[in-house]
mmCIF file of all heavy atoms, coordinates in Angstrom:
data_MODEL
# 
_entry.id   MODEL 
# 
loop_
_atom_site.group_PDB 
_atom_site.id 
_atom_site.type_symbol 
_atom_site.label_atom_id 
_atom_site.label_alt_id 
_atom_site.label_comp_id 
_atom_site.label_asym_id 
_atom_site.label_entity_id 
_atom_site.label_seq_id 
_atom_site.pdbx_PDB_ins_code 
_atom_site.Cartn_x 
_atom_site.Cartn_y 
_atom_site.Cartn_z 
_atom_site.occupancy 
_atom_site.B_iso_or_equiv 
_atom_site.pdbx_formal_charge 
_atom_site.auth_seq_id 
_atom_site.auth_comp_id 
_atom_site.auth_asym_id 
_atom_site.auth_atom_id 
_atom_site.pdbx_PDB_model_num 
ATOM 1   N N   . MET A 1 1  ? 67.882 39.915 125.829 1.00 0.00 ? 1  MET A N   1 
ATOM 2   C CA  . MET A 1 1  ? 68.991 40.847 125.727 1.00 0.00 ? 1  MET A CA  1 
ATOM 3   C C   . MET A 1 1  ? 70.295 40.084 125.920 1.00 0.00 ? 1  MET A C   1 
ATOM 4   O O   . MET A 1 1  ? 70.554 39.540 126.997 1.00 0.00 ? 1  MET A O   1 
ATOM 5   C CB  . MET A 1 1  ? 68.869 41.961 126.768 1.00 0.00 ? 1  MET A CB  1 
ATOM 6   C CG  . MET A 1 1  ? 67.541 42.716 126.703 1.00 0.00 ? 1  MET A CG  1 
ATOM 7   S SD  . MET A 1 1  ? 67.494 44.143 127.819 1.00 0.00 ? 1  MET A SD  1 
ATOM 8   C CE  . MET A 1 1  ? 67.571 43.299 129.402 1.00 0.00 ? 1  MET A CE  1 
ATOM 9   N N   . ASN A 1 2  ? 71.110 40.036 124.883 1.00 0.00 ? 2  ASN A N   1 
ATOM 10  C CA  . ASN A 1 2  ? 72.404 39.375 124.917 1.00 0.00 ? 2  ASN A CA  1 
ATOM 11  C C   . ASN A 1 2  ? 73.517 40.391 124.722 1.00 0.00 ? 2  ASN A C   1 
ATOM 12  O O   . ASN A 1 2  ? 73.287 41.502 124.251 1.00 0.00 ? 2  ASN A O   1 
ATOM 13  C CB  . ASN A 1 2  ? 72.486 38.299 123.831 1.00 0.00 ? 2  ASN A CB  1 
ATOM 14  C CG  . ASN A 1 2  ? 71.466 37.204 123.992 1.00 0.00 ? 2  ASN A CG  1 
ATOM 15  O OD1 . ASN A 1 2  ? 71.101 36.828 125.103 1.00 0.00 ? 2  ASN A OD1 1 
ATOM 16  N ND2 . ASN A 1 2  ? 70.999 36.665 122.864 1.00 0.00 ? 2  ASN A ND2 1 
ATOM 17  N N   . SER A 1 3  ? 74.734 39.990 125.064 1.00 0.00 ? 3  SER A N   1 
ATOM 18  C CA  . SER A 1 3  ? 75.911 40.851 124.902 1.00 0.00 ? 3  SER A CA  1 
ATOM 19  C C   . SER A 1 3  ? 75.672 42.237 125.484 1.00 0.00 ? 3  SER A C   1 
ATOM 20  O O   . SER A 1 3  ? 75.950 43.258 124.853 1.00 0.00 ? 3  SER A O   1 
ATOM 21  C CB  . SER A 1 3  ? 76.293 40.951 123.421 1.00 0.00 ? 3  SER A CB  1 
ATOM 22  O OG  . SER A 1 3  ? 76.560 39.671 122.874 1.00 0.00 ? 3  SER A OG  1 
ATOM 23  N N   . LEU A 1 4  ? 75.171 42.272 126.699 1.00 0.00 ? 4  LEU A N   1 
ATOM 24  C CA  . LEU A 1 4  ? 74.802 43.535 127.324 1.00 0.00 ? 4  LEU A CA  1 
ATOM 25  C C   . LEU A 1 4  ? 76.021 44.419 127.556 1.00 0.00 ? 4  LEU A C   1 
ATOM 26  O O   . LEU A 1 4  ? 77.117 43.937 127.856 1.00 0.00 ? 4  LEU A O   1 
ATOM 27  C CB  . LEU A 1 4  ? 74.077 43.282 128.635 1.00 0.00 ? 4  LEU A CB  1 
ATOM 28  C CG  . LEU A 1 4  ? 72.610 42.862 128.476 1.00 0.00 ? 4  LEU A CG  1 
ATOM 29  C CD1 . LEU A 1 4  ? 72.091 42.205 129.739 1.00 0.00 ? 4  LEU A CD1 1 
ATOM 30  C CD2 . LEU A 1 4  ? 71.757 44.072 128.109 1.00 0.00 ? 4  LEU A CD2 1 
ATOM 31  N N   . LYS A 1 5  ? 75.793 45.725 127.411 1.00 0.00 ? 5  LYS A N   1 
ATOM 32  C CA  . LYS A 1 5  ? 76.819 46.739 127.587 1.00 0.00 ? 5  LYS A CA  1 
ATOM 33  C C   . LYS A 1 5  ? 76.413 47.697 128.702 1.00 0.00 ? 5  LYS A C   1 
ATOM 34  O O   . LYS A 1 5  ? 75.226 47.856 128.978 1.00 0.00 ? 5  LYS A O   1 
ATOM 35  C CB  . LYS A 1 5  ? 77.012 47.532 126.288 1.00 0.00 ? 5  LYS A CB  1 
ATOM 36  C CG  . LYS A 1 5  ? 77.349 46.694 125.070 1.00 0.00 ? 5  LYS A CG  1 
ATOM 37  C CD  . LYS A 1 5  ? 77.385 47.557 123.820 1.00 0.00 ? 5  LYS A CD  1 
ATOM 38  C CE  . LYS A 1 5  ? 77.705 46.731 122.590 1.00 0.00 ? 5  LYS A CE  1 
ATOM 39  N NZ  . LYS A 1 5  ? 77.729 47.564 121.358 1.00 0.00 ? 5  LYS A NZ  1 
ATOM 40  N N   . PRO A 1 6  ? 77.377 48.356 129.347 1.00 0.00 ? 6  PRO A N   1 
ATOM 41  C CA  . PRO A 1 6  ? 77.018 49.329 130.387 1.00 0.00 ? 6  PRO A CA  1 
ATOM 42  C C   . PRO A 1 6  ? 76.040 50.395 129.907 1.00 0.00 ? 6  PRO A C   1 
ATOM 43  O O   . PRO A 1 6  ? 75.194 50.841 130.692 1.00 0.00 ? 6  PRO A O   1 
ATOM 44  C CB  . PRO A 1 6  ? 78.373 49.939 130.773 1.00 0.00 ? 6  PRO A CB  1 
ATOM 45  C CG  . PRO A 1 6  ? 79.345 48.839 130.510 1.00 0.00 ? 6  PRO A CG  1 
ATOM 46  C CD  . PRO A 1 6  ? 78.835 48.156 129.268 1.00 0.00 ? 6  PRO A CD  1 
ATOM 47  N N   . GLU A 1 7  ? 76.124 50.790 128.649 1.00 0.00 ? 7  GLU A N   1 
ATOM 48  C CA  . GLU A 1 7  ? 75.210 51.799 128.119 1.00 0.00 ? 7  GLU A CA  1 
ATOM 49  C C   . GLU A 1 7  ? 73.778 51.300 127.962 1.00 0.00 ? 7  GLU A C   1 
ATOM 50  O O   . GLU A 1 7  ? 72.882 52.085 127.653 1.00 0.00 ? 7  GLU A O   1 
ATOM 51  C CB  . GLU A 1 7  ? 75.719 52.366 126.787 1.00 0.00 ? 7  GLU A CB  1 
ATOM 52  C CG  . GLU A 1 7  ? 76.072 51.303 125.761 1.00 0.00 ? 7  GLU A CG  1 
ATOM 53  C CD  . GLU A 1 7  ? 77.561 51.007 125.712 1.00 0.00 ? 7  GLU A CD  1 
ATOM 54  O OE1 . GLU A 1 7  ? 78.169 50.876 126.790 1.00 0.00 ? 7  GLU A OE1 1 
ATOM 55  O OE2 . GLU A 1 7  ? 78.112 50.913 124.600 1.00 0.00 ? 7  GLU A OE2 1 
ATOM 56  N N   . ASP A 1 8  ? 73.538 50.007 128.171 1.00 0.00 ? 8  ASP A N   1 
ATOM 57  C CA  . ASP A 1 8  ? 72.181 49.474 128.192 1.00 0.00 ? 8  ASP A CA  1 
ATOM 58  C C   . ASP A 1 8  ? 71.494 49.708 129.532 1.00 0.00 ? 8  ASP A C   1 
ATOM 59  O O   . ASP A 1 8  ? 70.290 49.438 129.655 1.00 0.00 ? 8  ASP A O   1 
ATOM 60  C CB  . ASP A 1 8  ? 72.179 47.973 127.892 1.00 0.00 ? 8  ASP A CB  1 
ATOM 61  C CG  . ASP A 1 8  ? 72.650 47.650 126.486 1.00 0.00 ? 8  ASP A CG  1 
ATOM 62  O OD1 . ASP A 1 8  ? 72.258 48.366 125.543 1.00 0.00 ? 8  ASP A OD1 1 
ATOM 63  O OD2 . ASP A 1 8  ? 73.408 46.670 126.333 1.00 0.00 ? 8  ASP A OD2 1 
ATOM 64  N N   . THR A 1 9  ? 72.223 50.185 130.523 1.00 0.00 ? 9  THR A N   1 
ATOM 65  C CA  . THR A 1 9  ? 71.657 50.436 131.843 1.00 0.00 ? 9  THR A CA  1 
ATOM 66  C C   . THR A 1 9  ? 70.539 51.474 131.757 1.00 0.00 ? 9  THR A C   1 
ATOM 67  O O   . THR A 1 9  ? 70.742 52.582 131.251 1.00 0.00 ? 9  THR A O   1 
ATOM 68  C CB  . THR A 1 9  ? 72.741 50.916 132.813 1.00 0.00 ? 9  THR A CB  1 
ATOM 69  O OG1 . THR A 1 9  ? 73.700 49.871 133.005 1.00 0.00 ? 9  THR A OG1 1 
ATOM 70  C CG2 . THR A 1 9  ? 72.141 51.284 134.165 1.00 0.00 ? 9  THR A CG2 1 
ATOM 71  N N   . ALA A 1 10 ? 69.353 51.111 132.246 1.00 0.00 ? 10 ALA A N   1 
ATOM 72  C CA  . ALA A 1 10 ? 68.187 51.988 132.167 1.00 0.00 ? 10 ALA A CA  1 
ATOM 73  C C   . ALA A 1 10 ? 67.011 51.304 132.841 1.00 0.00 ? 10 ALA A C   1 
ATOM 74  O O   . ALA A 1 10 ? 67.070 50.119 133.173 1.00 0.00 ? 10 ALA A O   1 
ATOM 75  C CB  . ALA A 1 10 ? 67.834 52.301 130.707 1.00 0.00 ? 10 ALA A CB  1 
ATOM 76  N N   . VAL A 1 11 ? 65.928 52.061 133.019 1.00 0.00 ? 11 VAL A N   1 
ATOM 77  C CA  . VAL A 1 11 ? 64.645 51.475 133.367 1.00 0.00 ? 11 VAL A CA  1 
ATOM 78  C C   . VAL A 1 11 ? 63.953 51.113 132.058 1.00 0.00 ? 11 VAL A C   1 
ATOM 79  O O   . VAL A 1 11 ? 63.817 51.960 131.172 1.00 0.00 ? 11 VAL A O   1 
ATOM 80  C CB  . VAL A 1 11 ? 63.772 52.428 134.193 1.00 0.00 ? 11 VAL A CB  1 
ATOM 81  C CG1 . VAL A 1 11 ? 62.405 51.798 134.469 1.00 0.00 ? 11 VAL A CG1 1 
ATOM 82  C CG2 . VAL A 1 11 ? 64.460 52.779 135.501 1.00 0.00 ? 11 VAL A CG2 1 
ATOM 83  N N   . TYR A 1 12 ? 63.538 49.873 131.934 1.00 0.00 ? 12 TYR A N   1 
ATOM 84  C CA  . TYR A 1 12 ? 62.892 49.386 130.718 1.00 0.00 ? 12 TYR A CA  1 
ATOM 85  C C   . TYR A 1 12 ? 61.383 49.328 130.935 1.00 0.00 ? 12 TYR A C   1 
ATOM 86  O O   . TYR A 1 12 ? 60.910 48.740 131.913 1.00 0.00 ? 12 TYR A O   1 
ATOM 87  C CB  . TYR A 1 12 ? 63.432 48.006 130.341 1.00 0.00 ? 12 TYR A CB  1 
ATOM 88  C CG  . TYR A 1 12 ? 64.801 48.063 129.719 1.00 0.00 ? 12 TYR A CG  1 
ATOM 89  C CD1 . TYR A 1 12 ? 65.911 48.421 130.471 1.00 0.00 ? 12 TYR A CD1 1 
ATOM 90  C CD2 . TYR A 1 12 ? 64.986 47.786 128.362 1.00 0.00 ? 12 TYR A CD2 1 
ATOM 91  C CE1 . TYR A 1 12 ? 67.168 48.505 129.900 1.00 0.00 ? 12 TYR A CE1 1 
ATOM 92  C CE2 . TYR A 1 12 ? 66.236 47.862 127.788 1.00 0.00 ? 12 TYR A CE2 1 
ATOM 93  C CZ  . TYR A 1 12 ? 67.329 48.221 128.549 1.00 0.00 ? 12 TYR A CZ  1 
ATOM 94  O OH  . TYR A 1 12 ? 68.574 48.300 127.974 1.00 0.00 ? 12 TYR A OH  1 
ATOM 95  N N   . TYR A 1 13 ? 60.640 49.943 130.006 1.00 0.00 ? 13 TYR A N   1 
ATOM 96  C CA  . TYR A 1 13 ? 59.192 50.040 130.097 1.00 0.00 ? 13 TYR A CA  1 
ATOM 97  C C   . TYR A 1 13 ? 58.522 49.263 128.974 1.00 0.00 ? 13 TYR A C   1 
ATOM 98  O O   . TYR A 1 13 ? 58.941 49.348 127.820 1.00 0.00 ? 13 TYR A O   1 
ATOM 99  C CB  . TYR A 1 13 ? 58.734 51.496 130.010 1.00 0.00 ? 13 TYR A CB  1 
ATOM 100 C CG  . TYR A 1 13 ? 59.213 52.372 131.144 1.00 0.00 ? 13 TYR A CG  1 
ATOM 101 C CD1 . TYR A 1 13 ? 60.402 53.084 131.036 1.00 0.00 ? 13 TYR A CD1 1 
ATOM 102 C CD2 . TYR A 1 13 ? 58.472 52.490 132.314 1.00 0.00 ? 13 TYR A CD2 1 
ATOM 103 C CE1 . TYR A 1 13 ? 60.844 53.890 132.073 1.00 0.00 ? 13 TYR A CE1 1 
ATOM 104 C CE2 . TYR A 1 13 ? 58.908 53.298 133.346 1.00 0.00 ? 13 TYR A CE2 1 
ATOM 105 C CZ  . TYR A 1 13 ? 60.096 53.996 133.226 1.00 0.00 ? 13 TYR A CZ  1 
ATOM 106 O OH  . TYR A 1 13 ? 60.523 54.805 134.256 1.00 0.00 ? 13 TYR A OH  1 
ATOM 107 N N   . CYS A 1 14 ? 57.474 48.541 129.313 1.00 0.00 ? 14 CYS A N   1 
ATOM 108 C CA  . CYS A 1 14 ? 56.647 47.854 128.330 1.00 0.00 ? 14 CYS A CA  1 
ATOM 109 C C   . CYS A 1 14 ? 55.566 48.796 127.825 1.00 0.00 ? 14 CYS A C   1 
ATOM 110 O O   . CYS A 1 14 ? 55.002 49.578 128.602 1.00 0.00 ? 14 CYS A O   1 
ATOM 111 C CB  . CYS A 1 14 ? 56.023 46.610 128.961 1.00 0.00 ? 14 CYS A CB  1 
ATOM 112 S SG  . CYS A 1 14 ? 55.022 45.620 127.840 1.00 0.00 ? 14 CYS A SG  1 
ATOM 113 N N   . ASN A 1 15 ? 55.281 48.726 126.536 1.00 0.00 ? 15 ASN A N   1 
ATOM 114 C CA  . ASN A 1 15 ? 54.279 49.573 125.898 1.00 0.00 ? 15 ASN A CA  1 
ATOM 115 C C   . ASN A 1 15 ? 53.315 48.725 125.079 1.00 0.00 ? 15 ASN A C   1 
ATOM 116 O O   . ASN A 1 15 ? 53.717 47.741 124.466 1.00 0.00 ? 15 ASN A O   1 
ATOM 117 C CB  . ASN A 1 15 ? 54.972 50.600 124.990 1.00 0.00 ? 15 ASN A CB  1 
ATOM 118 C CG  . ASN A 1 15 ? 54.012 51.299 124.041 1.00 0.00 ? 15 ASN A CG  1 
ATOM 119 O OD1 . ASN A 1 15 ? 53.941 50.947 122.856 1.00 0.00 ? 15 ASN A OD1 1 
ATOM 120 N ND2 . ASN A 1 15 ? 53.296 52.279 124.549 1.00 0.00 ? 15 ASN A ND2 1 
ATOM 121 N N   . ALA A 1 16 ? 52.043 49.106 125.080 1.00 0.00 ? 16 ALA A N   1 
ATOM 122 C CA  . ALA A 1 16 ? 51.042 48.469 124.239 1.00 0.00 ? 16 ALA A CA  1 
ATOM 123 C C   . ALA A 1 16 ? 50.188 49.534 123.585 1.00 0.00 ? 16 ALA A C   1 
ATOM 124 O O   . ALA A 1 16 ? 49.850 50.540 124.214 1.00 0.00 ? 16 ALA A O   1 
ATOM 125 C CB  . ALA A 1 16 ? 50.165 47.515 125.050 1.00 0.00 ? 16 ALA A CB  1 
ATOM 126 N N   . VAL A 1 17 ? 49.843 49.312 122.319 1.00 0.00 ? 17 VAL A N   1 
ATOM 127 C CA  . VAL A 1 17 ? 48.978 50.218 121.568 1.00 0.00 ? 17 VAL A CA  1 
ATOM 128 C C   . VAL A 1 17 ? 47.643 49.531 121.348 1.00 0.00 ? 17 VAL A C   1 
ATOM 129 O O   . VAL A 1 17 ? 47.595 48.446 120.759 1.00 0.00 ? 17 VAL A O   1 
ATOM 130 C CB  . VAL A 1 17 ? 49.600 50.616 120.223 1.00 0.00 ? 17 VAL A CB  1 
ATOM 131 C CG1 . VAL A 1 17 ? 48.675 51.566 119.475 1.00 0.00 ? 17 VAL A CG1 1 
ATOM 132 C CG2 . VAL A 1 17 ? 50.958 51.260 120.440 1.00 0.00 ? 17 VAL A CG2 1 
ATOM 133 N N   . SER A 1 18 ? 46.577 50.158 121.819 1.00 0.00 ? 18 SER A N   1 
ATOM 134 C CA  . SER A 1 18 ? 45.232 49.601 121.745 1.00 0.00 ? 18 SER A CA  1 
ATOM 135 C C   . SER A 1 18 ? 44.309 50.516 120.948 1.00 0.00 ? 18 SER A C   1 
ATOM 136 O O   . SER A 1 18 ? 44.428 51.741 121.021 1.00 0.00 ? 18 SER A O   1 
ATOM 137 C CB  . SER A 1 18 ? 44.669 49.400 123.153 1.00 0.00 ? 18 SER A CB  1 
ATOM 138 O OG  . SER A 1 18 ? 43.281 49.103 123.119 1.00 0.00 ? 18 SER A OG  1 
ATOM 139 N N   . ASP A 1 19 ? 43.375 49.921 120.212 1.00 0.00 ? 19 ASP A N   1 
ATOM 140 C CA  . ASP A 1 19 ? 42.356 50.686 119.500 1.00 0.00 ? 19 ASP A CA  1 
ATOM 141 C C   . ASP A 1 19 ? 40.965 50.425 120.068 1.00 0.00 ? 19 ASP A C   1 
ATOM 142 O O   . ASP A 1 19 ? 39.961 50.523 119.361 1.00 0.00 ? 19 ASP A O   1 
ATOM 143 C CB  . ASP A 1 19 ? 42.392 50.393 117.997 1.00 0.00 ? 19 ASP A CB  1 
ATOM 144 C CG  . ASP A 1 19 ? 42.026 48.959 117.645 1.00 0.00 ? 19 ASP A CG  1 
ATOM 145 O OD1 . ASP A 1 19 ? 41.806 48.149 118.565 1.00 0.00 ? 19 ASP A OD1 1 
ATOM 146 O OD2 . ASP A 1 19 ? 41.952 48.648 116.433 1.00 0.00 ? 19 ASP A OD2 1 
ATOM 147 N N   . GLU A 1 20 ? 40.883 50.133 121.356 1.00 0.00 ? 20 GLU A N   1 
ATOM 148 C CA  . GLU A 1 20 ? 39.620 49.784 121.995 1.00 0.00 ? 20 GLU A CA  1 
ATOM 149 C C   . GLU A 1 20 ? 38.581 50.894 121.918 1.00 0.00 ? 20 GLU A C   1 
ATOM 150 O O   . GLU A 1 20 ? 37.374 50.632 121.993 1.00 0.00 ? 20 GLU A O   1 
ATOM 151 C CB  . GLU A 1 20 ? 39.856 49.395 123.458 1.00 0.00 ? 20 GLU A CB  1 
ATOM 152 C CG  . GLU A 1 20 ? 40.447 50.508 124.300 1.00 0.00 ? 20 GLU A CG  1 
ATOM 153 C CD  . GLU A 1 20 ? 40.800 50.035 125.698 1.00 0.00 ? 20 GLU A CD  1 
ATOM 154 O OE1 . GLU A 1 20 ? 40.019 49.254 126.272 1.00 0.00 ? 20 GLU A OE1 1 
ATOM 155 O OE2 . GLU A 1 20 ? 41.849 50.451 126.213 1.00 0.00 ? 20 GLU A OE2 1 
ATOM 156 N N   . LEU A 1 21 ? 39.012 52.142 121.778 1.00 0.00 ? 21 LEU A N   1 
ATOM 157 C CA  . LEU A 1 21 ? 38.114 53.285 121.682 1.00 0.00 ? 21 LEU A CA  1 
ATOM 158 C C   . LEU A 1 21 ? 37.934 53.777 120.257 1.00 0.00 ? 21 LEU A C   1 
ATOM 159 O O   . LEU A 1 21 ? 37.331 54.826 120.043 1.00 0.00 ? 21 LEU A O   1 
ATOM 160 C CB  . LEU A 1 21 ? 38.613 54.430 122.571 1.00 0.00 ? 21 LEU A CB  1 
ATOM 161 C CG  . LEU A 1 21 ? 38.737 54.120 124.061 1.00 0.00 ? 21 LEU A CG  1 
ATOM 162 C CD1 . LEU A 1 21 ? 39.260 55.335 124.809 1.00 0.00 ? 21 LEU A CD1 1 
ATOM 163 C CD2 . LEU A 1 21 ? 37.407 53.672 124.633 1.00 0.00 ? 21 LEU A CD2 1 
ATOM 164 N N   . GLY A 1 22 ? 38.453 53.039 119.285 1.00 0.00 ? 22 GLY A N   1 
ATOM 165 C CA  . GLY A 1 22 ? 38.343 53.434 117.897 1.00 0.00 ? 22 GLY A CA  1 
ATOM 166 C C   . GLY A 1 22 ? 39.514 54.239 117.386 1.00 0.00 ? 22 GLY A C   1 
ATOM 167 O O   . GLY A 1 22 ? 39.519 54.637 116.216 1.00 0.00 ? 22 GLY A O   1 
ATOM 168 N N   . TYR A 1 23 ? 40.500 54.507 118.225 1.00 0.00 ? 23 TYR A N   1 
ATOM 169 C CA  . TYR A 1 23 ? 41.723 55.191 117.845 1.00 0.00 ? 23 TYR A CA  1 
ATOM 170 C C   . TYR A 1 23 ? 42.854 54.669 118.711 1.00 0.00 ? 23 TYR A C   1 
ATOM 171 O O   . TYR A 1 23 ? 42.611 54.079 119.769 1.00 0.00 ? 23 TYR A O   1 
ATOM 172 C CB  . TYR A 1 23 ? 41.584 56.713 117.994 1.00 0.00 ? 23 TYR A CB  1 
ATOM 173 C CG  . TYR A 1 23 ? 41.143 57.161 119.364 1.00 0.00 ? 23 TYR A CG  1 
ATOM 174 C CD1 . TYR A 1 23 ? 42.063 57.442 120.365 1.00 0.00 ? 23 TYR A CD1 1 
ATOM 175 C CD2 . TYR A 1 23 ? 39.787 57.308 119.665 1.00 0.00 ? 23 TYR A CD2 1 
ATOM 176 C CE1 . TYR A 1 23 ? 41.658 57.848 121.623 1.00 0.00 ? 23 TYR A CE1 1 
ATOM 177 C CE2 . TYR A 1 23 ? 39.372 57.713 120.919 1.00 0.00 ? 23 TYR A CE2 1 
ATOM 178 C CZ  . TYR A 1 23 ? 40.310 57.983 121.898 1.00 0.00 ? 23 TYR A CZ  1 
ATOM 179 O OH  . TYR A 1 23 ? 39.888 58.386 123.144 1.00 0.00 ? 23 TYR A OH  1 
ATOM 180 N N   . ASP A 1 24 ? 44.090 54.868 118.298 1.00 0.00 ? 24 ASP A N   1 
ATOM 181 C CA  . ASP A 1 24 ? 45.240 54.320 119.007 1.00 0.00 ? 24 ASP A CA  1 
ATOM 182 C C   . ASP A 1 24 ? 45.511 55.074 120.299 1.00 0.00 ? 24 ASP A C   1 
ATOM 183 O O   . ASP A 1 24 ? 45.596 56.302 120.319 1.00 0.00 ? 24 ASP A O   1 
ATOM 184 C CB  . ASP A 1 24 ? 46.484 54.366 118.131 1.00 0.00 ? 24 ASP A CB  1 
ATOM 185 C CG  . ASP A 1 24 ? 46.468 53.329 117.027 1.00 0.00 ? 24 ASP A CG  1 
ATOM 186 O OD1 . ASP A 1 24 ? 45.599 52.444 117.050 1.00 0.00 ? 24 ASP A OD1 1 
ATOM 187 O OD2 . ASP A 1 24 ? 47.339 53.402 116.135 1.00 0.00 ? 24 ASP A OD2 1 
ATOM 188 N N   . ILE A 1 25 ? 45.673 54.312 121.389 1.00 0.00 ? 25 ILE A N   1 
ATOM 189 C CA  . ILE A 1 25 ? 46.086 54.863 122.664 1.00 0.00 ? 25 ILE A CA  1 
ATOM 190 C C   . ILE A 1 25 ? 47.218 54.005 123.220 1.00 0.00 ? 25 ILE A C   1 
ATOM 191 O O   . ILE A 1 25 ? 47.292 52.801 122.955 1.00 0.00 ? 25 ILE A O   1 
ATOM 192 C CB  . ILE A 1 25 ? 44.936 54.961 123.679 1.00 0.00 ? 25 ILE A CB  1 
ATOM 193 C CG1 . ILE A 1 25 ? 44.293 53.588 123.913 1.00 0.00 ? 25 ILE A CG1 1 
ATOM 194 C CG2 . ILE A 1 25 ? 43.898 55.957 123.212 1.00 0.00 ? 25 ILE A CG2 1 
ATOM 195 C CD1 . ILE A 1 25 ? 43.237 53.591 124.999 1.00 0.00 ? 25 ILE A CD1 1 
ATOM 196 N N   . ASP A 1 26 ? 48.103 54.627 123.980 1.00 0.00 ? 26 ASP A N   1 
ATOM 197 C CA  . ASP A 1 26 ? 49.265 53.949 124.555 1.00 0.00 ? 26 ASP A CA  1 
ATOM 198 C C   . ASP A 1 26 ? 49.023 53.577 126.011 1.00 0.00 ? 26 ASP A C   1 
ATOM 199 O O   . ASP A 1 26 ? 48.492 54.373 126.788 1.00 0.00 ? 26 ASP A O   1 
ATOM 200 C CB  . ASP A 1 26 ? 50.502 54.847 124.492 1.00 0.00 ? 26 ASP A CB  1 
ATOM 201 C CG  . ASP A 1 26 ? 51.108 54.928 123.109 1.00 0.00 ? 26 ASP A CG  1 
ATOM 202 O OD1 . ASP A 1 26 ? 51.024 53.932 122.368 1.00 0.00 ? 26 ASP A OD1 1 
ATOM 203 O OD2 . ASP A 1 26 ? 51.672 55.992 122.786 1.00 0.00 ? 26 ASP A OD2 1 
# 
């Protein structure tokens, strides 16, 4: 993240999509 702005303030969450069960889950 470069050139950060005050409006970038937030909690940032990582997400992964897996098909381990044969369909997409988050």
